[in-house]
Amino acid sequence: PWSGFKRMFDVRGLVELIKSILKLLLIGFVAVLMMDSLG
């Protein structure tokens, strides 16, 4: 568990977090635009 906890806060974990947030924001933004245009 300690090794897994450290991996969560290393550089790779930070990059994965940034990618996940970027995907969520990008897909959510485009999905809202498409639903608005297809309303």
PDB file of all heavy atoms in Angstrom:
ATOM      1  N   PRO A   1       0.817  -1.233   0.000  1.00  0.00           N
ATOM      2  CA  PRO A   1       0.000   0.000   0.000  1.00  0.00           C
ATOM      3  C   PRO A   1       0.841   1.269   0.000  1.00  0.00           C
ATOM      4  O   PRO A   1       0.474   2.251  -0.633  1.00  0.00           O
ATOM      5  CB  PRO A   1      -0.813  -0.135   1.295  1.00  0.00           C
ATOM      6  CG  PRO A   1      -0.809  -1.592   1.627  1.00  0.00           C
ATOM      7  CD  PRO A   1       0.514  -2.117   1.128  1.00  0.00           C
ATOM      8  N   TRP A   2       1.980   1.237   0.690  1.00  0.00           N
ATOM      9  CA  TRP A   2       2.817   2.426   0.741  1.00  0.00           C
ATOM     10  C   TRP A   2       3.391   2.753  -0.636  1.00  0.00           C
ATOM     11  O   TRP A   2       3.454   3.928  -1.017  1.00  0.00           O
ATOM     12  CB  TRP A   2       3.937   2.228   1.752  1.00  0.00           C
ATOM     13  CG  TRP A   2       4.902   3.375   1.814  1.00  0.00           C
ATOM     14  CD1 TRP A   2       6.218   3.350   1.469  1.00  0.00           C
ATOM     15  CD2 TRP A   2       4.626   4.720   2.219  1.00  0.00           C
ATOM     16  NE1 TRP A   2       6.787   4.581   1.632  1.00  0.00           N
ATOM     17  CE2 TRP A   2       5.821   5.459   2.095  1.00  0.00           C
ATOM     18  CE3 TRP A   2       3.484   5.376   2.664  1.00  0.00           C
ATOM     19  CZ2 TRP A   2       5.907   6.797   2.416  1.00  0.00           C
ATOM     20  CZ3 TRP A   2       3.571   6.728   2.971  1.00  0.00           C
ATOM     21  CH2 TRP A   2       4.773   7.427   2.846  1.00  0.00           C
ATOM     22  N   SER A   3       3.807   1.699  -1.359  1.00  0.00           N
ATOM     23  CA  SER A   3       4.317   1.928  -2.722  1.00  0.00           C
ATOM     24  C   SER A   3       3.222   2.488  -3.614  1.00  0.00           C
ATOM     25  O   SER A   3       3.456   3.405  -4.412  1.00  0.00           O
ATOM     26  CB  SER A   3       4.863   0.624  -3.307  1.00  0.00           C
ATOM     27  OG  SER A   3       5.927   0.129  -2.517  1.00  0.00           O
ATOM     28  N   GLY A   4       2.013   1.960  -3.488  1.00  0.00           N
ATOM     29  CA  GLY A   4       0.911   2.500  -4.278  1.00  0.00           C
ATOM     30  C   GLY A   4       0.582   3.929  -3.907  1.00  0.00           C
ATOM     31  O   GLY A   4       0.267   4.758  -4.767  1.00  0.00           O
ATOM     32  N   PHE A   5       0.676   4.247  -2.626  1.00  0.00           N
ATOM     33  CA  PHE A   5       0.416   5.625  -2.188  1.00  0.00           C
ATOM     34  C   PHE A   5       1.451   6.591  -2.756  1.00  0.00           C
ATOM     35  O   PHE A   5       1.126   7.698  -3.187  1.00  0.00           O
ATOM     36  CB  PHE A   5       0.418   5.669  -0.657  1.00  0.00           C
ATOM     37  CG  PHE A   5       0.076   7.014  -0.099  1.00  0.00           C
ATOM     38  CD1 PHE A   5      -1.237   7.469  -0.067  1.00  0.00           C
ATOM     39  CD2 PHE A   5       1.079   7.847   0.394  1.00  0.00           C
ATOM     40  CE1 PHE A   5      -1.552   8.729   0.448  1.00  0.00           C
ATOM     41  CE2 PHE A   5       0.770   9.099   0.908  1.00  0.00           C
ATOM     42  CZ  PHE A   5      -0.553   9.532   0.930  1.00  0.00           C
ATOM     43  N   LYS A   6       2.725   6.149  -2.780  1.00  0.00           N
ATOM     44  CA  LYS A   6       3.772   7.004  -3.332  1.00  0.00           C
ATOM     45  C   LYS A   6       3.591   7.198  -4.834  1.00  0.00           C
ATOM     46  O   LYS A   6       3.860   8.284  -5.362  1.00  0.00           O
ATOM     47  CB  LYS A   6       5.147   6.397  -3.042  1.00  0.00           C
ATOM     48  CG  LYS A   6       5.557   6.475  -1.585  1.00  0.00           C
ATOM     49  CD  LYS A   6       7.040   6.174  -1.401  1.00  0.00           C
ATOM     50  CE  LYS A   6       7.376   4.766  -1.841  1.00  0.00           C
ATOM     51  NZ  LYS A   6       8.803   4.453  -1.589  1.00  0.00           N
ATOM     52  N   ARG A   7       3.145   6.141  -5.539  1.00  0.00           N
ATOM     53  CA  ARG A   7       2.932   6.283  -6.987  1.00  0.00           C
ATOM     54  C   ARG A   7       1.821   7.286  -7.286  1.00  0.00           C
ATOM     55  O   ARG A   7       1.814   7.910  -8.352  1.00  0.00           O
ATOM     56  CB  ARG A   7       2.596   4.921  -7.601  1.00  0.00           C
ATOM     57  CG  ARG A   7       3.788   3.995  -7.752  1.00  0.00           C
ATOM     58  CD  ARG A   7       3.466   2.860  -8.709  1.00  0.00           C
ATOM     59  NE  ARG A   7       2.388   2.018  -8.204  1.00  0.00           N
ATOM     60  CZ  ARG A   7       2.570   0.940  -7.451  1.00  0.00           C
ATOM     61  NH1 ARG A   7       3.797   0.574  -7.093  1.00  0.00           N
ATOM     62  NH2 ARG A   7       1.544   0.222  -7.040  1.00  0.00           N
ATOM     63  N   MET A   8       0.883   7.419  -6.355  1.00  0.00           N
ATOM     64  CA  MET A   8      -0.217   8.363  -6.590  1.00  0.00           C
ATOM     65  C   MET A   8       0.262   9.811  -6.603  1.00  0.00           C
ATOM     66  O   MET A   8      -0.371  10.681  -7.226  1.00  0.00           O
ATOM     67  CB  MET A   8      -1.295   8.174  -5.508  1.00  0.00           C
ATOM     68  CG  MET A   8      -2.047   6.858  -5.602  1.00  0.00           C
ATOM     69  SD  MET A   8      -3.190   6.649  -4.219  1.00  0.00           S
ATOM     70  CE  MET A   8      -4.235   8.084  -4.393  1.00  0.00           C
ATOM     71  N   PHE A   9       1.371  10.078  -5.919  1.00  0.00           N
ATOM     72  CA  PHE A   9       1.819  11.466  -5.777  1.00  0.00           C
ATOM     73  C   PHE A   9       3.163  11.726  -6.444  1.00  0.00           C
ATOM     74  O   PHE A   9       3.797  12.745  -6.173  1.00  0.00           O
ATOM     75  CB  PHE A   9       1.895  11.832  -4.287  1.00  0.00           C
ATOM     76  CG  PHE A   9       0.561  11.835  -3.604  1.00  0.00           C
ATOM     77  CD1 PHE A   9       0.132  10.711  -2.914  1.00  0.00           C
ATOM     78  CD2 PHE A   9      -0.271  12.933  -3.680  1.00  0.00           C
ATOM     79  CE1 PHE A   9      -1.103  10.706  -2.281  1.00  0.00           C
ATOM     80  CE2 PHE A   9      -1.509  12.936  -3.047  1.00  0.00           C
ATOM     81  CZ  PHE A   9      -1.933  11.813  -2.350  1.00  0.00           C
ATOM     82  N   ASP A  10       3.609  10.802  -7.306  1.00  0.00           N
ATOM     83  CA  ASP A  10       4.845  11.073  -8.032  1.00  0.00           C
ATOM     84  C   ASP A  10       4.515  11.811  -9.325  1.00  0.00           C
ATOM     85  O   ASP A  10       3.361  12.195  -9.575  1.00  0.00           O
ATOM     86  CB  ASP A  10       5.622   9.784  -8.302  1.00  0.00           C
ATOM     87  CG  ASP A  10       4.845   8.810  -9.174  1.00  0.00           C
ATOM     88  OD1 ASP A  10       3.736   9.166  -9.616  1.00  0.00           O
ATOM     89  OD2 ASP A  10       5.344   7.688  -9.415  1.00  0.00           O
ATOM     90  N   VAL A  11       5.537  12.017 -10.155  1.00  0.00           N
ATOM     91  CA  VAL A  11       5.337  12.792 -11.382  1.00  0.00           C
ATOM     92  C   VAL A  11       4.350  12.100 -12.308  1.00  0.00           C
ATOM     93  O   VAL A  11       3.477  12.747 -12.920  1.00  0.00           O
ATOM     94  CB  VAL A  11       6.690  13.009 -12.087  1.00  0.00           C
ATOM     95  CG1 VAL A  11       6.486  13.743 -13.408  1.00  0.00           C
ATOM     96  CG2 VAL A  11       7.640  13.791 -11.182  1.00  0.00           C
ATOM     97  N   ARG A  12       4.469  10.777 -12.412  1.00  0.00           N
ATOM     98  CA  ARG A  12       3.553  10.057 -13.300  1.00  0.00           C
ATOM     99  C   ARG A  12       2.112  10.192 -12.822  1.00  0.00           C
ATOM    100  O   ARG A  12       1.190  10.371 -13.624  1.00  0.00           O
ATOM    101  CB  ARG A  12       3.948   8.583 -13.365  1.00  0.00           C
ATOM    102  CG  ARG A  12       5.255   8.335 -14.092  1.00  0.00           C
ATOM    103  CD  ARG A  12       5.503   6.851 -14.216  1.00  0.00           C
ATOM    104  NE  ARG A  12       6.723   6.568 -14.959  1.00  0.00           N
ATOM    105  CZ  ARG A  12       7.146   5.338 -15.241  1.00  0.00           C
ATOM    106  NH1 ARG A  12       6.466   4.299 -14.808  1.00  0.00           N
ATOM    107  NH2 ARG A  12       8.269   5.160 -15.930  1.00  0.00           N
ATOM    108  N   GLY A  13       1.909  10.059 -11.491  1.00  0.00           N
ATOM    109  CA  GLY A  13       0.562  10.215 -10.967  1.00  0.00           C
ATOM    110  C   GLY A  13       0.002  11.595 -11.240  1.00  0.00           C
ATOM    111  O   GLY A  13      -1.189  11.747 -11.566  1.00  0.00           O
ATOM    112  N   LEU A  14       0.839  12.619 -11.134  1.00  0.00           N
ATOM    113  CA  LEU A  14       0.402  13.977 -11.425  1.00  0.00           C
ATOM    114  C   LEU A  14       0.017  14.138 -12.887  1.00  0.00           C
ATOM    115  O   LEU A  14      -0.996  14.768 -13.218  1.00  0.00           O
ATOM    116  CB  LEU A  14       1.512  14.961 -11.050  1.00  0.00           C
ATOM    117  CG  LEU A  14       1.225  16.442 -11.309  1.00  0.00           C
ATOM    118  CD1 LEU A  14       0.016  16.896 -10.495  1.00  0.00           C
ATOM    119  CD2 LEU A  14       2.449  17.283 -10.976  1.00  0.00           C
ATOM    120  N   VAL A  15       0.833  13.544 -13.776  1.00  0.00           N
ATOM    121  CA  VAL A  15       0.523  13.633 -15.211  1.00  0.00           C
ATOM    122  C   VAL A  15      -0.793  12.926 -15.518  1.00  0.00           C
ATOM    123  O   VAL A  15      -1.627  13.424 -16.289  1.00  0.00           O
ATOM    124  CB  VAL A  15       1.681  13.027 -16.025  1.00  0.00           C
ATOM    125  CG1 VAL A  15       1.285  12.911 -17.502  1.00  0.00           C
ATOM    126  CG2 VAL A  15       2.928  13.883 -15.897  1.00  0.00           C
ATOM    127  N   GLU A  16      -1.005  11.740 -14.926  1.00  0.00           N
ATOM    128  CA  GLU A  16      -2.255  11.025 -15.162  1.00  0.00           C
ATOM    129  C   GLU A  16      -3.444  11.828 -14.649  1.00  0.00           C
ATOM    130  O   GLU A  16      -4.513  11.846 -15.276  1.00  0.00           O
ATOM    131  CB  GLU A  16      -2.207   9.661 -14.469  1.00  0.00           C
ATOM    132  CG  GLU A  16      -1.183   8.694 -15.055  1.00  0.00           C
ATOM    133  CD  GLU A  16      -1.485   8.354 -16.503  1.00  0.00           C
ATOM    134  OE1 GLU A  16      -2.683   8.298 -16.862  1.00  0.00           O
ATOM    135  OE2 GLU A  16      -0.523   8.178 -17.281  1.00  0.00           O
ATOM    136  N   LEU A  17      -3.280  12.497 -13.502  1.00  0.00           N
ATOM    137  CA  LEU A  17      -4.365  13.323 -12.978  1.00  0.00           C
ATOM    138  C   LEU A  17      -4.683  14.481 -13.924  1.00  0.00           C
ATOM    139  O   LEU A  17      -5.859  14.774 -14.196  1.00  0.00           O
ATOM    140  CB  LEU A  17      -3.965  13.853 -11.598  1.00  0.00           C
ATOM    141  CG  LEU A  17      -4.961  14.811 -10.929  1.00  0.00           C
ATOM    142  CD1 LEU A  17      -6.296  14.111 -10.694  1.00  0.00           C
ATOM    143  CD2 LEU A  17      -4.390  15.353  -9.628  1.00  0.00           C
ATOM    144  N   ILE A  18      -3.638  15.129 -14.433  1.00  0.00           N
ATOM    145  CA  ILE A  18      -3.856  16.241 -15.365  1.00  0.00           C
ATOM    146  C   ILE A  18      -4.547  15.750 -16.631  1.00  0.00           C
ATOM    147  O   ILE A  18      -5.470  16.405 -17.150  1.00  0.00           O
ATOM    148  CB  ILE A  18      -2.506  16.919 -15.690  1.00  0.00           C
ATOM    149  CG1 ILE A  18      -1.945  17.597 -14.436  1.00  0.00           C
ATOM    150  CG2 ILE A  18      -2.679  17.933 -16.816  1.00  0.00           C
ATOM    151  CD1 ILE A  18      -0.562  18.177 -14.626  1.00  0.00           C
ATOM    152  N   LYS A  19      -4.129  14.586 -17.137  1.00  0.00           N
ATOM    153  CA  LYS A  19      -4.772  14.052 -18.348  1.00  0.00           C
ATOM    154  C   LYS A  19      -6.236  13.739 -18.087  1.00  0.00           C
ATOM    155  O   LYS A  19      -7.105  13.990 -18.944  1.00  0.00           O
ATOM    156  CB  LYS A  19      -4.031  12.798 -18.819  1.00  0.00           C
ATOM    157  CG  LYS A  19      -2.676  13.068 -19.430  1.00  0.00           C
ATOM    158  CD  LYS A  19      -2.140  11.850 -20.151  1.00  0.00           C
ATOM    159  CE  LYS A  19      -1.966  10.688 -19.210  1.00  0.00           C
ATOM    160  NZ  LYS A  19      -1.352   9.521 -19.887  1.00  0.00           N
ATOM    161  N   SER A  20      -6.534  13.162 -16.933  1.00  0.00           N
ATOM    162  CA  SER A  20      -7.927  12.819 -16.620  1.00  0.00           C
ATOM    163  C   SER A  20      -8.788  14.076 -16.527  1.00  0.00           C
ATOM    164  O   SER A  20      -9.915  14.121 -17.046  1.00  0.00           O
ATOM    165  CB  SER A  20      -7.977  12.042 -15.307  1.00  0.00           C
ATOM    166  OG  SER A  20      -7.247  10.833 -15.401  1.00  0.00           O
ATOM    167  N   ILE A  21      -8.273  15.101 -15.858  1.00  0.00           N
ATOM    168  CA  ILE A  21      -9.025  16.358 -15.744  1.00  0.00           C
ATOM    169  C   ILE A  21      -9.217  16.990 -17.121  1.00  0.00           C
ATOM    170  O   ILE A  21     -10.308  17.488 -17.456  1.00  0.00           O
ATOM    171  CB  ILE A  21      -8.298  17.325 -14.794  1.00  0.00           C
ATOM    172  CG1 ILE A  21      -8.283  16.748 -13.370  1.00  0.00           C
ATOM    173  CG2 ILE A  21      -8.956  18.693 -14.815  1.00  0.00           C
ATOM    174  CD1 ILE A  21      -7.486  17.579 -12.382  1.00  0.00           C
ATOM    175  N   LEU A  22      -8.152  16.960 -17.935  1.00  0.00           N
ATOM    176  CA  LEU A  22      -8.245  17.542 -19.281  1.00  0.00           C
ATOM    177  C   LEU A  22      -9.265  16.793 -20.125  1.00  0.00           C
ATOM    178  O   LEU A  22     -10.064  17.408 -20.852  1.00  0.00           O
ATOM    179  CB  LEU A  22      -6.864  17.497 -19.947  1.00  0.00           C
ATOM    180  CG  LEU A  22      -6.760  18.112 -21.342  1.00  0.00           C
ATOM    181  CD1 LEU A  22      -7.126  19.589 -21.300  1.00  0.00           C
ATOM    182  CD2 LEU A  22      -5.340  17.937 -21.892  1.00  0.00           C
ATOM    183  N   LYS A  23      -9.275  15.474 -20.031  1.00  0.00           N
ATOM    184  CA  LYS A  23     -10.266  14.693 -20.789  1.00  0.00           C
ATOM    185  C   LYS A  23     -11.682  15.021 -20.325  1.00  0.00           C
ATOM    186  O   LYS A  23     -12.600  15.184 -21.150  1.00  0.00           O
ATOM    187  CB  LYS A  23      -9.992  13.196 -20.616  1.00  0.00           C
ATOM    188  CG  LYS A  23      -8.831  12.682 -21.431  1.00  0.00           C
ATOM    189  CD  LYS A  23      -8.793  11.172 -21.457  1.00  0.00           C
ATOM    190  CE  LYS A  23      -8.532  10.623 -20.064  1.00  0.00           C
ATOM    191  NZ  LYS A  23      -8.398   9.140 -20.104  1.00  0.00           N
ATOM    192  N   LEU A  24     -11.862  15.074 -19.021  1.00  0.00           N
ATOM    193  CA  LEU A  24     -13.196  15.364 -18.493  1.00  0.00           C
ATOM    194  C   LEU A  24     -13.694  16.727 -18.953  1.00  0.00           C
ATOM    195  O   LEU A  24     -14.848  16.866 -19.409  1.00  0.00           O
ATOM    196  CB  LEU A  24     -13.155  15.278 -16.966  1.00  0.00           C
ATOM    197  CG  LEU A  24     -14.466  15.575 -16.235  1.00  0.00           C
ATOM    198  CD1 LEU A  24     -15.525  14.549 -16.620  1.00  0.00           C
ATOM    199  CD2 LEU A  24     -14.255  15.580 -14.731  1.00  0.00           C
ATOM    200  N   LEU A  25     -12.842  17.731 -18.856  1.00  0.00           N
ATOM    201  CA  LEU A  25     -13.256  19.076 -19.255  1.00  0.00           C
ATOM    202  C   LEU A  25     -13.521  19.162 -20.751  1.00  0.00           C
ATOM    203  O   LEU A  25     -14.525  19.746 -21.191  1.00  0.00           O
ATOM    204  CB  LEU A  25     -12.186  20.102 -18.852  1.00  0.00           C
ATOM    205  CG  LEU A  25     -11.962  20.290 -17.339  1.00  0.00           C
ATOM    206  CD1 LEU A  25     -10.812  21.252 -17.104  1.00  0.00           C
ATOM    207  CD2 LEU A  25     -13.232  20.774 -16.673  1.00  0.00           C
ATOM    208  N   LEU A  26     -12.636  18.585 -21.546  1.00  0.00           N
ATOM    209  CA  LEU A  26     -12.778  18.680 -22.997  1.00  0.00           C
ATOM    210  C   LEU A  26     -14.008  17.937 -23.480  1.00  0.00           C
ATOM    211  O   LEU A  26     -14.821  18.480 -24.248  1.00  0.00           O
ATOM    212  CB  LEU A  26     -11.517  18.121 -23.666  1.00  0.00           C
ATOM    213  CG  LEU A  26     -11.466  18.185 -25.191  1.00  0.00           C
ATOM    214  CD1 LEU A  26     -11.517  19.629 -25.660  1.00  0.00           C
ATOM    215  CD2 LEU A  26     -10.204  17.499 -25.723  1.00  0.00           C
ATOM    216  N   ILE A  27     -14.172  16.698 -23.029  1.00  0.00           N
ATOM    217  CA  ILE A  27     -15.315  15.909 -23.480  1.00  0.00           C
ATOM    218  C   ILE A  27     -16.617  16.504 -22.956  1.00  0.00           C
ATOM    219  O   ILE A  27     -17.631  16.574 -23.670  1.00  0.00           O
ATOM    220  CB  ILE A  27     -15.147  14.446 -23.037  1.00  0.00           C
ATOM    221  CG1 ILE A  27     -13.960  13.820 -23.770  1.00  0.00           C
ATOM    222  CG2 ILE A  27     -16.417  13.644 -23.318  1.00  0.00           C
ATOM    223  CD1 ILE A  27     -13.655  12.410 -23.329  1.00  0.00           C
ATOM    224  N   GLY A  28     -16.608  16.952 -21.696  1.00  0.00           N
ATOM    225  CA  GLY A  28     -17.822  17.568 -21.150  1.00  0.00           C
ATOM    226  C   GLY A  28     -18.207  18.825 -21.902  1.00  0.00           C
ATOM    227  O   GLY A  28     -19.393  19.051 -22.203  1.00  0.00           O
ATOM    228  N   PHE A  29     -17.226  19.658 -22.234  1.00  0.00           N
ATOM    229  CA  PHE A  29     -17.513  20.904 -22.951  1.00  0.00           C
ATOM    230  C   PHE A  29     -18.086  20.619 -24.336  1.00  0.00           C
ATOM    231  O   PHE A  29     -19.099  21.204 -24.745  1.00  0.00           O
ATOM    232  CB  PHE A  29     -16.233  21.723 -23.059  1.00  0.00           C
ATOM    233  CG  PHE A  29     -16.374  22.993 -23.840  1.00  0.00           C
ATOM    234  CD1 PHE A  29     -17.083  24.078 -23.327  1.00  0.00           C
ATOM    235  CD2 PHE A  29     -15.817  23.107 -25.102  1.00  0.00           C
ATOM    236  CE1 PHE A  29     -17.210  25.252 -24.053  1.00  0.00           C
ATOM    237  CE2 PHE A  29     -15.946  24.274 -25.836  1.00  0.00           C
ATOM    238  CZ  PHE A  29     -16.656  25.347 -25.305  1.00  0.00           C
ATOM    239  N   VAL A  30     -17.460  19.695 -25.063  1.00  0.00           N
ATOM    240  CA  VAL A  30     -17.952  19.383 -26.417  1.00  0.00           C
ATOM    241  C   VAL A  30     -19.303  18.690 -26.349  1.00  0.00           C
ATOM    242  O   VAL A  30     -20.191  18.932 -27.194  1.00  0.00           O
ATOM    243  CB  VAL A  30     -16.913  18.508 -27.148  1.00  0.00           C
ATOM    244  CG1 VAL A  30     -17.457  18.071 -28.506  1.00  0.00           C
ATOM    245  CG2 VAL A  30     -15.615  19.275 -27.330  1.00  0.00           C
ATOM    246  N   ALA A  31     -19.499  17.839 -25.340  1.00  0.00           N
ATOM    247  CA  ALA A  31     -20.793  17.157 -25.220  1.00  0.00           C
ATOM    248  C   ALA A  31     -21.912  18.162 -24.980  1.00  0.00           C
ATOM    249  O   ALA A  31     -23.019  18.054 -25.544  1.00  0.00           O
ATOM    250  CB  ALA A  31     -20.728  16.134 -24.082  1.00  0.00           C
ATOM    251  N   VAL A  32     -21.674  19.159 -24.133  1.00  0.00           N
ATOM    252  CA  VAL A  32     -22.688  20.194 -23.889  1.00  0.00           C
ATOM    253  C   VAL A  32     -22.979  20.968 -25.172  1.00  0.00           C
ATOM    254  O   VAL A  32     -24.149  21.259 -25.492  1.00  0.00           O
ATOM    255  CB  VAL A  32     -22.217  21.135 -22.765  1.00  0.00           C
ATOM    256  CG1 VAL A  32     -23.117  22.354 -22.662  1.00  0.00           C
ATOM    257  CG2 VAL A  32     -22.178  20.392 -21.441  1.00  0.00           C
ATOM    258  N   LEU A  33     -21.946  21.315 -25.923  1.00  0.00           N
ATOM    259  CA  LEU A  33     -22.161  22.030 -27.181  1.00  0.00           C
ATOM    260  C   LEU A  33     -22.983  21.208 -28.164  1.00  0.00           C
ATOM    261  O   LEU A  33     -23.896  21.739 -28.824  1.00  0.00           O
ATOM    262  CB  LEU A  33     -20.810  22.395 -27.805  1.00  0.00           C
ATOM    263  CG  LEU A  33     -19.978  23.474 -27.104  1.00  0.00           C
ATOM    264  CD1 LEU A  33     -18.677  23.710 -27.862  1.00  0.00           C
ATOM    265  CD2 LEU A  33     -20.759  24.782 -27.000  1.00  0.00           C
ATOM    266  N   MET A  34     -22.679  19.909 -28.258  1.00  0.00           N
ATOM    267  CA  MET A  34     -23.412  19.069 -29.216  1.00  0.00           C
ATOM    268  C   MET A  34     -24.854  18.875 -28.774  1.00  0.00           C
ATOM    269  O   MET A  34     -25.776  18.903 -29.604  1.00  0.00           O
ATOM    270  CB  MET A  34     -22.707  17.721 -29.356  1.00  0.00           C
ATOM    271  CG  MET A  34     -21.335  17.800 -29.992  1.00  0.00           C
ATOM    272  SD  MET A  34     -20.691  16.185 -30.425  1.00  0.00           S
ATOM    273  CE  MET A  34     -21.797  15.711 -31.747  1.00  0.00           C
ATOM    274  N   MET A  35     -25.079  18.672 -27.480  1.00  0.00           N
ATOM    275  CA  MET A  35     -26.455  18.508 -27.019  1.00  0.00           C
ATOM    276  C   MET A  35     -27.247  19.796 -27.235  1.00  0.00           C
ATOM    277  O   MET A  35     -28.453  19.757 -27.552  1.00  0.00           O
ATOM    278  CB  MET A  35     -26.458  18.124 -25.542  1.00  0.00           C
ATOM    279  CG  MET A  35     -25.857  16.751 -25.266  1.00  0.00           C
ATOM    280  SD  MET A  35     -26.724  15.423 -26.120  1.00  0.00           S
ATOM    281  CE  MET A  35     -28.311  15.485 -25.309  1.00  0.00           C
ATOM    282  N   ASP A  36     -26.587  20.947 -27.099  1.00  0.00           N
ATOM    283  CA  ASP A  36     -27.269  22.208 -27.340  1.00  0.00           C
ATOM    284  C   ASP A  36     -27.638  22.373 -28.807  1.00  0.00           C
ATOM    285  O   ASP A  36     -28.727  22.854 -29.148  1.00  0.00           O
ATOM    286  CB  ASP A  36     -26.380  23.365 -26.880  1.00  0.00           C
ATOM    287  CG  ASP A  36     -27.060  24.716 -27.047  1.00  0.00           C
ATOM    288  OD1 ASP A  36     -28.085  24.952 -26.368  1.00  0.00           O
ATOM    289  OD2 ASP A  36     -26.566  25.520 -27.869  1.00  0.00           O
ATOM    290  N   SER A  37     -26.698  21.969 -29.689  1.00  0.00           N
ATOM    291  CA  SER A  37     -26.976  22.090 -31.121  1.00  0.00           C
ATOM    292  C   SER A  37     -28.004  21.071 -31.596  1.00  0.00           C
ATOM    293  O   SER A  37     -28.718  21.316 -32.574  1.00  0.00           O
ATOM    294  CB  SER A  37     -25.684  21.927 -31.913  1.00  0.00           C
ATOM    295  OG  SER A  37     -25.145  20.633 -31.714  1.00  0.00           O
ATOM    296  N   LEU A  38     -28.114  19.941 -30.918  1.00  0.00           N
ATOM    297  CA  LEU A  38     -29.058  18.896 -31.322  1.00  0.00           C
ATOM    298  C   LEU A  38     -30.349  18.952 -30.516  1.00  0.00           C
ATOM    299  O   LEU A  38     -31.184  18.040 -30.623  1.00  0.00           O
ATOM    300  CB  LEU A  38     -28.416  17.518 -31.156  1.00  0.00           C
ATOM    301  CG  LEU A  38     -27.212  17.206 -32.047  1.00  0.00           C
ATOM    302  CD1 LEU A  38     -26.604  15.870 -31.677  1.00  0.00           C
ATOM    303  CD2 LEU A  38     -27.616  17.212 -33.517  1.00  0.00           C
ATOM    304  N   GLY A  39     -30.503  19.987 -29.683  1.00  0.00           N
ATOM    305  CA  GLY A  39     -31.682  20.046 -28.820  1.00  0.00           C
ATOM    306  C   GLY A  39     -32.986  20.008 -29.594  1.00  0.00           C
ATOM    307  O   GLY A  39     -33.907  19.247 -29.268  1.00  0.00           O
TER     308      GLY A  39
END
